[in-house]
PDB file of N, CA and C in Angstrom:
ATOM      1  N   MET A   1    -273.462  63.876 -43.170  1.00  0.00           N
ATOM      2  CA  MET A   1    -272.906  64.880 -42.431  1.00  0.00           C
ATOM      3  C   MET A   1    -272.644  66.091 -43.374  1.00  0.00           C
ATOM      4  N   THR A   2    -272.857  67.337 -42.842  1.00  0.00           N
ATOM      5  CA  THR A   2    -272.890  68.415 -43.580  1.00  0.00           C
ATOM      6  C   THR A   2    -271.533  69.240 -43.545  1.00  0.00           C
ATOM      7  N   ASN A   3    -270.678  68.898 -42.573  1.00  0.00           N
ATOM      8  CA  ASN A   3    -269.405  69.565 -42.319  1.00  0.00           C
ATOM      9  C   ASN A   3    -268.443  69.262 -43.527  1.00  0.00           C
ATOM     10  N   LEU A   4    -267.857  70.308 -44.170  1.00  0.00           N
ATOM     11  CA  LEU A   4    -266.924  70.093 -45.326  1.00  0.00           C
ATOM     12  C   LEU A   4    -265.534  70.221 -44.973  1.00  0.00           C
ATOM     13  N   LYS A   5    -265.174  70.456 -43.701  1.00  0.00           N
ATOM     14  CA  LYS A   5    -263.715  70.518 -43.325  1.00  0.00           C
ATOM     15  C   LYS A   5    -263.083  69.208 -43.521  1.00  0.00           C
ATOM     16  N   THR A   6    -261.834  69.278 -43.690  1.00  0.00           N
ATOM     17  CA  THR A   6    -261.020  68.021 -43.818  1.00  0.00           C
ATOM     18  C   THR A   6    -260.702  67.462 -42.466  1.00  0.00           C
ATOM     19  N   PRO A   7    -261.023  66.248 -42.174  1.00  0.00           N
ATOM     20  CA  PRO A   7    -260.686  65.588 -40.905  1.00  0.00           C
ATOM     21  C   PRO A   7    -259.270  65.549 -40.687  1.00  0.00           C
ATOM     22  N   ILE A   8    -258.803  65.776 -39.364  1.00  0.00           N
ATOM     23  CA  ILE A   8    -257.398  65.668 -38.862  1.00  0.00           C
ATOM     24  C   ILE A   8    -257.102  64.099 -38.850  1.00  0.00           C
ATOM     25  N   THR A   9    -258.150  63.362 -38.244  1.00  0.00           N
ATOM     26  CA  THR A   9    -257.976  62.012 -38.278  1.00  0.00           C
ATOM     27  C   THR A   9    -259.356  61.412 -38.080  1.00  0.00           C
ATOM     28  N   ILE A  10    -259.527  60.071 -38.358  1.00  0.00           N
ATOM     29  CA  ILE A  10    -260.815  59.373 -38.324  1.00  0.00           C
ATOM     30  C   ILE A  10    -260.641  58.144 -37.425  1.00  0.00           C
ATOM     31  N   GLN A  11    -261.519  57.838 -36.558  1.00  0.00           N
ATOM     32  CA  GLN A  11    -261.485  56.674 -35.703  1.00  0.00           C
ATOM     33  C   GLN A  11    -262.792  55.902 -35.619  1.00  0.00           C
ATOM     34  N   ALA A  12    -262.688  54.544 -35.803  1.00  0.00           N
ATOM     35  CA  ALA A  12    -263.852  53.690 -35.686  1.00  0.00           C
ATOM     36  C   ALA A  12    -264.121  53.511 -34.181  1.00  0.00           C
ATOM     37  N   VAL A  13    -265.344  53.656 -33.850  1.00  0.00           N
ATOM     38  CA  VAL A  13    -265.786  53.623 -32.346  1.00  0.00           C
ATOM     39  C   VAL A  13    -267.006  52.643 -32.354  1.00  0.00           C
ATOM     40  N   THR A  14    -267.151  51.896 -31.288  1.00  0.00           N
ATOM     41  CA  THR A  14    -268.249  51.014 -30.991  1.00  0.00           C
ATOM     42  C   THR A  14    -269.100  51.627 -29.909  1.00  0.00           C
ATOM     43  N   VAL A  15    -270.389  51.742 -30.042  1.00  0.00           N
ATOM     44  CA  VAL A  15    -271.368  52.227 -29.098  1.00  0.00           C
ATOM     45  C   VAL A  15    -271.458  50.990 -28.052  1.00  0.00           C
ATOM     46  N   ARG A  16    -270.981  51.163 -26.827  1.00  0.00           N
ATOM     47  CA  ARG A  16    -270.936  50.111 -25.881  1.00  0.00           C
ATOM     48  C   ARG A  16    -272.172  50.139 -25.004  1.00  0.00           C
ATOM     49  N   PRO A  17    -272.631  48.869 -24.623  1.00  0.00           N
ATOM     50  CA  PRO A  17    -273.757  48.854 -23.648  1.00  0.00           C
ATOM     51  C   PRO A  17    -273.249  49.065 -22.186  1.00  0.00           C
ATOM     52  N   THR A  18    -274.013  49.639 -21.281  1.00  0.00           N
ATOM     53  CA  THR A  18    -273.615  49.643 -19.906  1.00  0.00           C
ATOM     54  C   THR A  18    -274.851  49.341 -19.168  1.00  0.00           C
ATOM     55  N   ALA A  19    -274.734  49.278 -17.844  1.00  0.00           N
ATOM     56  CA  ALA A  19    -275.775  48.923 -16.925  1.00  0.00           C
ATOM     57  C   ALA A  19    -276.924  49.969 -16.990  1.00  0.00           C
ATOM     58  N   ARG A  20    -276.619  51.162 -17.321  1.00  0.00           N
ATOM     59  CA  ARG A  20    -277.548  52.194 -17.366  1.00  0.00           C
ATOM     60  C   ARG A  20    -277.885  52.792 -18.704  1.00  0.00           C
ATOM     61  N   GLY A  21    -277.395  52.177 -19.814  1.00  0.00           N
ATOM     62  CA  GLY A  21    -277.714  52.648 -21.154  1.00  0.00           C
ATOM     63  C   GLY A  21    -276.597  52.306 -22.124  1.00  0.00           C
ATOM     64  N   VAL A  22    -276.033  53.421 -22.742  1.00  0.00           N
ATOM     65  CA  VAL A  22    -275.026  53.153 -23.797  1.00  0.00           C
ATOM     66  C   VAL A  22    -273.948  54.258 -23.556  1.00  0.00           C
ATOM     67  N   ARG A  23    -272.788  53.930 -24.151  1.00  0.00           N
ATOM     68  CA  ARG A  23    -271.590  54.843 -23.895  1.00  0.00           C
ATOM     69  C   ARG A  23    -270.687  54.848 -25.154  1.00  0.00           C
ATOM     70  N   ILE A  24    -270.146  56.098 -25.418  1.00  0.00           N
ATOM     71  CA  ILE A  24    -269.150  56.252 -26.476  1.00  0.00           C
ATOM     72  C   ILE A  24    -268.014  56.883 -25.634  1.00  0.00           C
ATOM     73  N   TRP A  25    -266.870  56.304 -25.774  1.00  0.00           N
ATOM     74  CA  TRP A  25    -265.668  56.789 -25.014  1.00  0.00           C
ATOM     75  C   TRP A  25    -264.566  57.155 -25.986  1.00  0.00           C
ATOM     76  N   LEU A  26    -264.045  58.403 -25.869  1.00  0.00           N
ATOM     77  CA  LEU A  26    -262.942  58.924 -26.733  1.00  0.00           C
ATOM     78  C   LEU A  26    -261.848  59.310 -25.670  1.00  0.00           C
ATOM     79  N   GLU A  27    -260.662  58.938 -25.982  1.00  0.00           N
ATOM     80  CA  GLU A  27    -259.467  59.242 -25.151  1.00  0.00           C
ATOM     81  C   GLU A  27    -258.117  59.349 -25.909  1.00  0.00           C
ATOM     82  N   ASP A  28    -257.367  60.329 -25.620  1.00  0.00           N
ATOM     83  CA  ASP A  28    -256.083  60.289 -26.174  1.00  0.00           C
ATOM     84  C   ASP A  28    -255.210  59.276 -25.537  1.00  0.00           C
ATOM     85  N   THR A  29    -254.213  58.781 -26.148  1.00  0.00           N
ATOM     86  CA  THR A  29    -253.288  57.745 -25.654  1.00  0.00           C
ATOM     87  C   THR A  29    -251.957  58.433 -25.740  1.00  0.00           C
ATOM     88  N   ALA A  30    -250.945  57.776 -25.264  1.00  0.00           N
ATOM     89  CA  ALA A  30    -249.535  58.278 -25.449  1.00  0.00           C
ATOM     90  C   ALA A  30    -249.112  58.242 -26.837  1.00  0.00           C
ATOM     91  N   ASN A  31    -249.627  57.340 -27.647  1.00  0.00           N
ATOM     92  CA  ASN A  31    -249.266  57.341 -29.069  1.00  0.00           C
ATOM     93  C   ASN A  31    -250.272  58.029 -30.025  1.00  0.00           C
ATOM     94  N   ASN A  32    -251.385  58.432 -29.574  1.00  0.00           N
ATOM     95  CA  ASN A  32    -252.296  59.076 -30.403  1.00  0.00           C
ATOM     96  C   ASN A  32    -253.144  60.167 -29.699  1.00  0.00           C
ATOM     97  N   ALA A  33    -252.855  61.402 -30.131  1.00  0.00           N
ATOM     98  CA  ALA A  33    -253.452  62.575 -29.534  1.00  0.00           C
ATOM     99  C   ALA A  33    -254.660  63.152 -30.304  1.00  0.00           C
ATOM    100  N   ARG A  34    -255.667  62.235 -30.622  1.00  0.00           N
ATOM    101  CA  ARG A  34    -256.699  62.671 -31.460  1.00  0.00           C
ATOM    102  C   ARG A  34    -257.467  63.866 -30.851  1.00  0.00           C
ATOM    103  N   LEU A  35    -257.725  63.734 -29.581  1.00  0.00           N
ATOM    104  CA  LEU A  35    -258.690  64.800 -28.979  1.00  0.00           C
ATOM    105  C   LEU A  35    -257.916  66.087 -28.911  1.00  0.00           C
ATOM    106  N   SER A  36    -256.662  66.099 -28.407  1.00  0.00           N
ATOM    107  CA  SER A  36    -255.889  67.286 -28.134  1.00  0.00           C
ATOM    108  C   SER A  36    -255.496  67.853 -29.543  1.00  0.00           C
ATOM    109  N   GLY A  37    -255.346  67.030 -30.576  1.00  0.00           N
ATOM    110  CA  GLY A  37    -254.947  67.451 -31.913  1.00  0.00           C
ATOM    111  C   GLY A  37    -256.163  68.263 -32.508  1.00  0.00           C
ATOM    112  N   SER A  38    -257.417  68.071 -32.061  1.00  0.00           N
ATOM    113  CA  SER A  38    -258.463  68.849 -32.565  1.00  0.00           C
ATOM    114  C   SER A  38    -258.832  69.962 -31.649  1.00  0.00           C
ATOM    115  N   GLY A  39    -257.979  70.209 -30.693  1.00  0.00           N
ATOM    116  CA  GLY A  39    -258.229  71.283 -29.659  1.00  0.00           C
ATOM    117  C   GLY A  39    -258.977  70.939 -28.382  1.00  0.00           C
ATOM    118  N   PHE A  40    -259.361  69.630 -28.219  1.00  0.00           N
ATOM    119  CA  PHE A  40    -260.088  69.139 -27.081  1.00  0.00           C
ATOM    120  C   PHE A  40    -259.102  68.702 -26.088  1.00  0.00           C
ATOM    121  N   VAL A  41    -258.477  69.714 -25.385  1.00  0.00           N
ATOM    122  CA  VAL A  41    -257.517  69.372 -24.316  1.00  0.00           C
ATOM    123  C   VAL A  41    -258.219  69.289 -22.994  1.00  0.00           C
ATOM    124  N   LYS A  42    -257.573  68.642 -22.044  1.00  0.00           N
ATOM    125  CA  LYS A  42    -258.159  68.537 -20.762  1.00  0.00           C
ATOM    126  C   LYS A  42    -258.672  69.882 -20.187  1.00  0.00           C
ATOM    127  N   GLY A  43    -259.875  70.059 -19.782  1.00  0.00           N
ATOM    128  CA  GLY A  43    -260.458  71.285 -19.233  1.00  0.00           C
ATOM    129  C   GLY A  43    -261.148  72.173 -20.238  1.00  0.00           C
ATOM    130  N   ALA A  44    -261.044  71.914 -21.583  1.00  0.00           N
ATOM    131  CA  ALA A  44    -261.605  72.628 -22.595  1.00  0.00           C
ATOM    132  C   ALA A  44    -263.147  72.360 -22.515  1.00  0.00           C
ATOM    133  N   ARG A  45    -263.768  73.475 -22.829  1.00  0.00           N
ATOM    134  CA  ARG A  45    -265.264  73.514 -22.761  1.00  0.00           C
ATOM    135  C   ARG A  45    -265.771  73.418 -24.245  1.00  0.00           C
ATOM    136  N   TYR A  46    -266.935  72.723 -24.283  1.00  0.00           N
ATOM    137  CA  TYR A  46    -267.528  72.578 -25.620  1.00  0.00           C
ATOM    138  C   TYR A  46    -269.064  72.399 -25.519  1.00  0.00           C
ATOM    139  N   ASP A  47    -269.720  72.405 -26.693  1.00  0.00           N
ATOM    140  CA  ASP A  47    -271.143  72.217 -26.803  1.00  0.00           C
ATOM    141  C   ASP A  47    -271.368  70.954 -27.508  1.00  0.00           C
ATOM    142  N   ARG A  48    -272.335  70.233 -27.223  1.00  0.00           N
ATOM    143  CA  ARG A  48    -272.750  68.874 -27.822  1.00  0.00           C
ATOM    144  C   ARG A  48    -274.182  68.898 -28.301  1.00  0.00           C
ATOM    145  N   ILE A  49    -274.330  68.444 -29.529  1.00  0.00           N
ATOM    146  CA  ILE A  49    -275.697  68.260 -30.108  1.00  0.00           C
ATOM    147  C   ILE A  49    -275.768  66.790 -30.560  1.00  0.00           C
ATOM    148  N   ILE A  50    -276.807  66.152 -30.211  1.00  0.00           N
ATOM    149  CA  ILE A  50    -277.097  64.749 -30.696  1.00  0.00           C
ATOM    150  C   ILE A  50    -278.426  64.855 -31.497  1.00  0.00           C
ATOM    151  N   LYS A  51    -278.389  64.536 -32.741  1.00  0.00           N
ATOM    152  CA  LYS A  51    -279.526  64.641 -33.571  1.00  0.00           C
ATOM    153  C   LYS A  51    -279.445  63.574 -34.756  1.00  0.00           C
ATOM    154  N   ASN A  52    -280.406  62.773 -34.887  1.00  0.00           N
ATOM    155  CA  ASN A  52    -280.641  61.868 -36.027  1.00  0.00           C
ATOM    156  C   ASN A  52    -279.404  60.943 -36.103  1.00  0.00           C
ATOM    157  N   GLY A  53    -278.875  60.465 -35.014  1.00  0.00           N
ATOM    158  CA  GLY A  53    -277.782  59.506 -34.956  1.00  0.00           C
ATOM    159  C   GLY A  53    -276.464  60.137 -35.201  1.00  0.00           C
ATOM    160  N   VAL A  54    -276.334  61.455 -35.104  1.00  0.00           N
ATOM    161  CA  VAL A  54    -275.003  62.173 -35.301  1.00  0.00           C
ATOM    162  C   VAL A  54    -274.785  63.047 -34.052  1.00  0.00           C
ATOM    163  N   ILE A  55    -273.572  62.864 -33.449  1.00  0.00           N
ATOM    164  CA  ILE A  55    -273.163  63.658 -32.319  1.00  0.00           C
ATOM    165  C   ILE A  55    -272.189  64.657 -32.827  1.00  0.00           C
ATOM    166  N   THR A  56    -272.388  65.919 -32.570  1.00  0.00           N
ATOM    167  CA  THR A  56    -271.464  67.032 -32.999  1.00  0.00           C
ATOM    168  C   THR A  56    -271.023  67.773 -31.676  1.00  0.00           C
ATOM    169  N   MET A  57    -269.707  67.739 -31.522  1.00  0.00           N
ATOM    170  CA  MET A  57    -269.105  68.508 -30.334  1.00  0.00           C
ATOM    171  C   MET A  57    -268.318  69.587 -30.954  1.00  0.00           C
ATOM    172  N   THR A  58    -268.599  70.856 -30.458  1.00  0.00           N
ATOM    173  CA  THR A  58    -267.801  71.968 -31.015  1.00  0.00           C
ATOM    174  C   THR A  58    -267.210  72.785 -29.787  1.00  0.00           C
ATOM    175  N   LEU A  59    -265.905  73.079 -29.908  1.00  0.00           N
ATOM    176  CA  LEU A  59    -265.284  73.906 -28.812  1.00  0.00           C
ATOM    177  C   LEU A  59    -265.951  75.169 -28.672  1.00  0.00           C
ATOM    178  N   ASN A  60    -266.141  75.586 -27.409  1.00  0.00           N
ATOM    179  CA  ASN A  60    -266.840  76.780 -27.080  1.00  0.00           C
ATOM    180  C   ASN A  60    -266.440  77.202 -25.656  1.00  0.00           C
ATOM    181  N   PRO A  61    -265.689  78.314 -25.375  1.00  0.00           N
ATOM    182  CA  PRO A  61    -265.272  78.628 -24.123  1.00  0.00           C
ATOM    183  C   PRO A  61    -266.376  78.724 -23.049  1.00  0.00           C
ATOM    184  N   GLU A  62    -267.546  78.928 -23.512  1.00  0.00           N
ATOM    185  CA  GLU A  62    -268.763  79.029 -22.599  1.00  0.00           C
ATOM    186  C   GLU A  62    -269.614  77.836 -22.673  1.00  0.00           C
ATOM    187  N   GLY A  63    -269.136  76.739 -23.237  1.00  0.00           N
ATOM    188  CA  GLY A  63    -269.855  75.392 -23.504  1.00  0.00           C
ATOM    189  C   GLY A  63    -270.227  74.786 -22.144  1.00  0.00           C
ATOM    190  N   LYS A  64    -271.340  74.008 -22.273  1.00  0.00           N
ATOM    191  CA  LYS A  64    -271.878  73.265 -21.036  1.00  0.00           C
ATOM    192  C   LYS A  64    -271.044  72.098 -20.658  1.00  0.00           C
ATOM    193  N   LYS A  65    -270.398  71.446 -21.619  1.00  0.00           N
ATOM    194  CA  LYS A  65    -269.552  70.257 -21.319  1.00  0.00           C
ATOM    195  C   LYS A  65    -268.118  70.648 -21.210  1.00  0.00           C
ATOM    196  N   LYS A  66    -267.512  69.712 -20.494  1.00  0.00           N
ATOM    197  CA  LYS A  66    -266.008  69.935 -20.313  1.00  0.00           C
ATOM    198  C   LYS A  66    -265.218  68.591 -20.476  1.00  0.00           C
ATOM    199  N   VAL A  67    -264.023  68.809 -21.247  1.00  0.00           N
ATOM    200  CA  VAL A  67    -263.150  67.552 -21.444  1.00  0.00           C
ATOM    201  C   VAL A  67    -262.521  67.163 -20.096  1.00  0.00           C
ATOM    202  N   SER A  68    -262.710  65.933 -19.682  1.00  0.00           N
ATOM    203  CA  SER A  68    -262.116  65.442 -18.491  1.00  0.00           C
ATOM    204  C   SER A  68    -260.877  64.731 -18.732  1.00  0.00           C
ATOM    205  N   GLY A  69    -260.311  64.071 -17.578  1.00  0.00           N
ATOM    206  CA  GLY A  69    -259.128  63.181 -17.749  1.00  0.00           C
ATOM    207  C   GLY A  69    -258.156  63.679 -16.746  1.00  0.00           C
ATOM    208  N   LYS A  70    -257.222  62.792 -16.333  1.00  0.00           N
ATOM    209  CA  LYS A  70    -256.147  62.999 -15.521  1.00  0.00           C
ATOM    210  C   LYS A  70    -254.817  63.143 -16.294  1.00  0.00           C
ATOM    211  N   LYS A  71    -254.386  61.966 -16.908  1.00  0.00           N
ATOM    212  CA  LYS A  71    -253.180  62.062 -17.685  1.00  0.00           C
ATOM    213  C   LYS A  71    -253.447  62.425 -19.128  1.00  0.00           C
ATOM    214  N   HIS A  72    -254.599  61.973 -19.765  1.00  0.00           N
ATOM    215  CA  HIS A  72    -254.947  62.281 -21.121  1.00  0.00           C
ATOM    216  C   HIS A  72    -256.303  62.795 -21.232  1.00  0.00           C
ATOM    217  N   PRO A  73    -256.677  63.628 -22.220  1.00  0.00           N
ATOM    218  CA  PRO A  73    -258.126  64.148 -22.306  1.00  0.00           C
ATOM    219  C   PRO A  73    -259.090  62.905 -22.586  1.00  0.00           C
ATOM    220  N   ILE A  74    -260.245  63.007 -22.006  1.00  0.00           N
ATOM    221  CA  ILE A  74    -261.324  62.024 -22.078  1.00  0.00           C
ATOM    222  C   ILE A  74    -262.612  62.697 -22.379  1.00  0.00           C
ATOM    223  N   ILE A  75    -263.349  62.110 -23.301  1.00  0.00           N
ATOM    224  CA  ILE A  75    -264.786  62.528 -23.554  1.00  0.00           C
ATOM    225  C   ILE A  75    -265.601  61.269 -23.422  1.00  0.00           C
ATOM    226  N   ASP A  76    -266.463  61.243 -22.316  1.00  0.00           N
ATOM    227  CA  ASP A  76    -267.379  60.156 -22.102  1.00  0.00           C
ATOM    228  C   ASP A  76    -268.712  60.500 -22.324  1.00  0.00           C
ATOM    229  N   ILE A  77    -269.416  59.973 -23.394  1.00  0.00           N
ATOM    230  CA  ILE A  77    -270.741  60.195 -23.785  1.00  0.00           C
ATOM    231  C   ILE A  77    -271.596  59.001 -23.256  1.00  0.00           C
ATOM    232  N   SER A  78    -272.341  59.252 -22.157  1.00  0.00           N
ATOM    233  CA  SER A  78    -273.173  58.181 -21.613  1.00  0.00           C
ATOM    234  C   SER A  78    -274.562  58.619 -21.500  1.00  0.00           C
ATOM    235  N   ALA A  79    -275.482  57.798 -21.736  1.00  0.00           N
ATOM    236  CA  ALA A  79    -276.956  58.104 -21.662  1.00  0.00           C
ATOM    237  C   ALA A  79    -277.770  56.868 -21.647  1.00  0.00           C
ATOM    238  N   LYS A  80    -279.033  56.895 -21.221  1.00  0.00           N
ATOM    239  CA  LYS A  80    -279.962  55.830 -21.409  1.00  0.00           C
ATOM    240  C   LYS A  80    -280.000  55.458 -22.775  1.00  0.00           C
ATOM    241  N   LYS A  81    -280.086  56.515 -23.644  1.00  0.00           N
ATOM    242  CA  LYS A  81    -280.233  56.281 -25.066  1.00  0.00           C
ATOM    243  C   LYS A  81    -279.396  57.487 -25.735  1.00  0.00           C
ATOM    244  N   LEU A  82    -278.891  57.152 -26.907  1.00  0.00           N
ATOM    245  CA  LEU A  82    -278.198  58.146 -27.769  1.00  0.00           C
ATOM    246  C   LEU A  82    -279.099  58.113 -29.003  1.00  0.00           C
ATOM    247  N   GLU A  83    -279.774  59.134 -29.290  1.00  0.00           N
ATOM    248  CA  GLU A  83    -280.713  59.200 -30.416  1.00  0.00           C
ATOM    249  C   GLU A  83    -280.158  58.745 -31.668  1.00  0.00           C
ATOM    250  N   GLY A  84    -280.775  57.644 -32.182  1.00  0.00           N
ATOM    251  CA  GLY A  84    -280.352  57.141 -33.383  1.00  0.00           C
ATOM    252  C   GLY A  84    -279.215  56.120 -33.270  1.00  0.00           C
ATOM    253  N   LEU A  85    -278.630  55.933 -32.120  1.00  0.00           N
ATOM    254  CA  LEU A  85    -277.493  54.992 -31.995  1.00  0.00           C
ATOM    255  C   LEU A  85    -277.836  53.847 -31.069  1.00  0.00           C
ATOM    256  N   GLU A  86    -277.592  52.657 -31.417  1.00  0.00           N
ATOM    257  CA  GLU A  86    -277.847  51.431 -30.601  1.00  0.00           C
ATOM    258  C   GLU A  86    -276.485  50.931 -30.053  1.00  0.00           C
ATOM    259  N   ALA A  87    -276.656  50.157 -28.901  1.00  0.00           N
ATOM    260  CA  ALA A  87    -275.527  49.471 -28.415  1.00  0.00           C
ATOM    261  C   ALA A  87    -274.996  48.521 -29.417  1.00  0.00           C
ATOM    262  N   GLY A  88    -273.709  48.409 -29.593  1.00  0.00           N
ATOM    263  CA  GLY A  88    -273.116  47.518 -30.599  1.00  0.00           C
ATOM    264  C   GLY A  88    -272.852  48.164 -31.876  1.00  0.00           C
ATOM    265  N   ALA A  89    -273.437  49.271 -32.140  1.00  0.00           N
ATOM    266  CA  ALA A  89    -273.326  50.022 -33.434  1.00  0.00           C
ATOM    267  C   ALA A  89    -271.855  50.447 -33.671  1.00  0.00           C
ATOM    268  N   GLU A  90    -271.377  50.283 -34.836  1.00  0.00           N
ATOM    269  CA  GLU A  90    -269.993  50.826 -35.271  1.00  0.00           C
ATOM    270  C   GLU A  90    -270.184  52.145 -35.846  1.00  0.00           C
ATOM    271  N   VAL A  91    -269.674  53.208 -35.288  1.00  0.00           N
ATOM    272  CA  VAL A  91    -269.705  54.521 -35.950  1.00  0.00           C
ATOM    273  C   VAL A  91    -268.265  55.061 -36.107  1.00  0.00           C
ATOM    274  N   TRP A  92    -268.163  56.238 -36.703  1.00  0.00           N
ATOM    275  CA  TRP A  92    -266.921  56.826 -36.944  1.00  0.00           C
ATOM    276  C   TRP A  92    -266.804  58.217 -36.263  1.00  0.00           C
ATOM    277  N   ALA A  93    -265.736  58.443 -35.661  1.00  0.00           N
ATOM    278  CA  ALA A  93    -265.386  59.774 -35.030  1.00  0.00           C
ATOM    279  C   ALA A  93    -264.529  60.502 -36.023  1.00  0.00           C
ATOM    280  N   PHE A  94    -265.035  61.692 -36.518  1.00  0.00           N
ATOM    281  CA  PHE A  94    -264.246  62.579 -37.508  1.00  0.00           C
ATOM    282  C   PHE A  94    -263.746  63.644 -36.536  1.00  0.00           C
ATOM    283  N   TYR A  95    -262.343  63.710 -36.396  1.00  0.00           N
ATOM    284  CA  TYR A  95    -261.776  64.730 -35.519  1.00  0.00           C
ATOM    285  C   TYR A  95    -261.283  65.914 -36.529  1.00  0.00           C
ATOM    286  N   LEU A  96    -261.915  67.053 -36.356  1.00  0.00           N
ATOM    287  CA  LEU A  96    -261.594  68.324 -37.157  1.00  0.00           C
ATOM    288  C   LEU A  96    -261.022  69.294 -36.226  1.00  0.00           C
ATOM    289  N   ASP A  97    -260.598  70.467 -36.851  1.00  0.00           N
ATOM    290  CA  ASP A  97    -260.084  71.515 -36.009  1.00  0.00           C
ATOM    291  C   ASP A  97    -261.244  72.166 -35.271  1.00  0.00           C
ATOM    292  N   GLY A  98    -261.234  71.954 -33.935  1.00  0.00           N
ATOM    293  CA  GLY A  98    -262.267  72.561 -33.047  1.00  0.00           C
ATOM    294  C   GLY A  98    -263.620  71.891 -33.067  1.00  0.00           C
ATOM    295  N   GLU A  99    -263.649  70.701 -33.731  1.00  0.00           N
ATOM    296  CA  GLU A  99    -264.944  69.930 -33.749  1.00  0.00           C
ATOM    297  C   GLU A  99    -264.723  68.512 -33.895  1.00  0.00           C
ATOM    298  N   ILE A 100    -265.692  67.680 -33.349  1.00  0.00           N
ATOM    299  CA  ILE A 100    -265.691  66.195 -33.510  1.00  0.00           C
ATOM    300  C   ILE A 100    -267.045  65.853 -33.887  1.00  0.00           C
ATOM    301  N   ILE A 101    -267.167  65.090 -34.894  1.00  0.00           N
ATOM    302  CA  ILE A 101    -268.542  64.568 -35.383  1.00  0.00           C
ATOM    303  C   ILE A 101    -268.484  63.043 -35.350  1.00  0.00           C
ATOM    304  N   ILE A 102    -269.549  62.477 -34.665  1.00  0.00           N
ATOM    305  CA  ILE A 102    -269.545  60.986 -34.533  1.00  0.00           C
ATOM    306  C   ILE A 102    -270.796  60.634 -35.221  1.00  0.00           C
ATOM    307  N   GLY A 103    -270.719  59.600 -36.166  1.00  0.00           N
ATOM    308  CA  GLY A 103    -271.906  59.075 -36.885  1.00  0.00           C
ATOM    309  C   GLY A 103    -271.457  58.018 -37.757  1.00  0.00           C
ATOM    310  N   GLU A 104    -272.423  57.537 -38.554  1.00  0.00           N
ATOM    311  CA  GLU A 104    -272.127  56.591 -39.583  1.00  0.00           C
ATOM    312  C   GLU A 104    -271.310  57.122 -40.685  1.00  0.00           C
ATOM    313  N   MET A 105    -270.491  56.232 -41.269  1.00  0.00           N
ATOM    314  CA  MET A 105    -269.739  56.682 -42.430  1.00  0.00           C
ATOM    315  C   MET A 105    -270.620  57.100 -43.624  1.00  0.00           C
ATOM    316  N   PRO A 106    -270.391  58.244 -44.151  1.00  0.00           N
ATOM    317  CA  PRO A 106    -271.294  58.670 -45.271  1.00  0.00           C
ATOM    318  C   PRO A 106    -271.017  57.756 -46.468  1.00  0.00           C
ATOM    319  N   GLN A 107    -272.106  57.387 -47.271  1.00  0.00           N
ATOM    320  CA  GLN A 107    -271.978  56.521 -48.365  1.00  0.00           C
ATOM    321  C   GLN A 107    -271.375  57.300 -49.634  1.00  0.00           C
TER     322      GLN A 107
END
């Protein structure tokens, strides 16, 4: 990963299998506001790039994607395939100011 910002928080995430492919689910809870702490509040727009097993989401008021959720913000990344990520893979979500990067832990 090339981003040199200091993460606000880091979370282990499992790529889950679904009937139609794979899914990565990120959600704030009452006790942990990871998404909103990085600026990804309900209704916020962002851009997402998936490349070489790394998912980068960057806040952008004109972004094509939108944070969903009713009570807490949710980002649901679902696809037939996520380039470079297989079902069951353990990855890390790095929550930065205005950006979330998901991928393998750097060595």
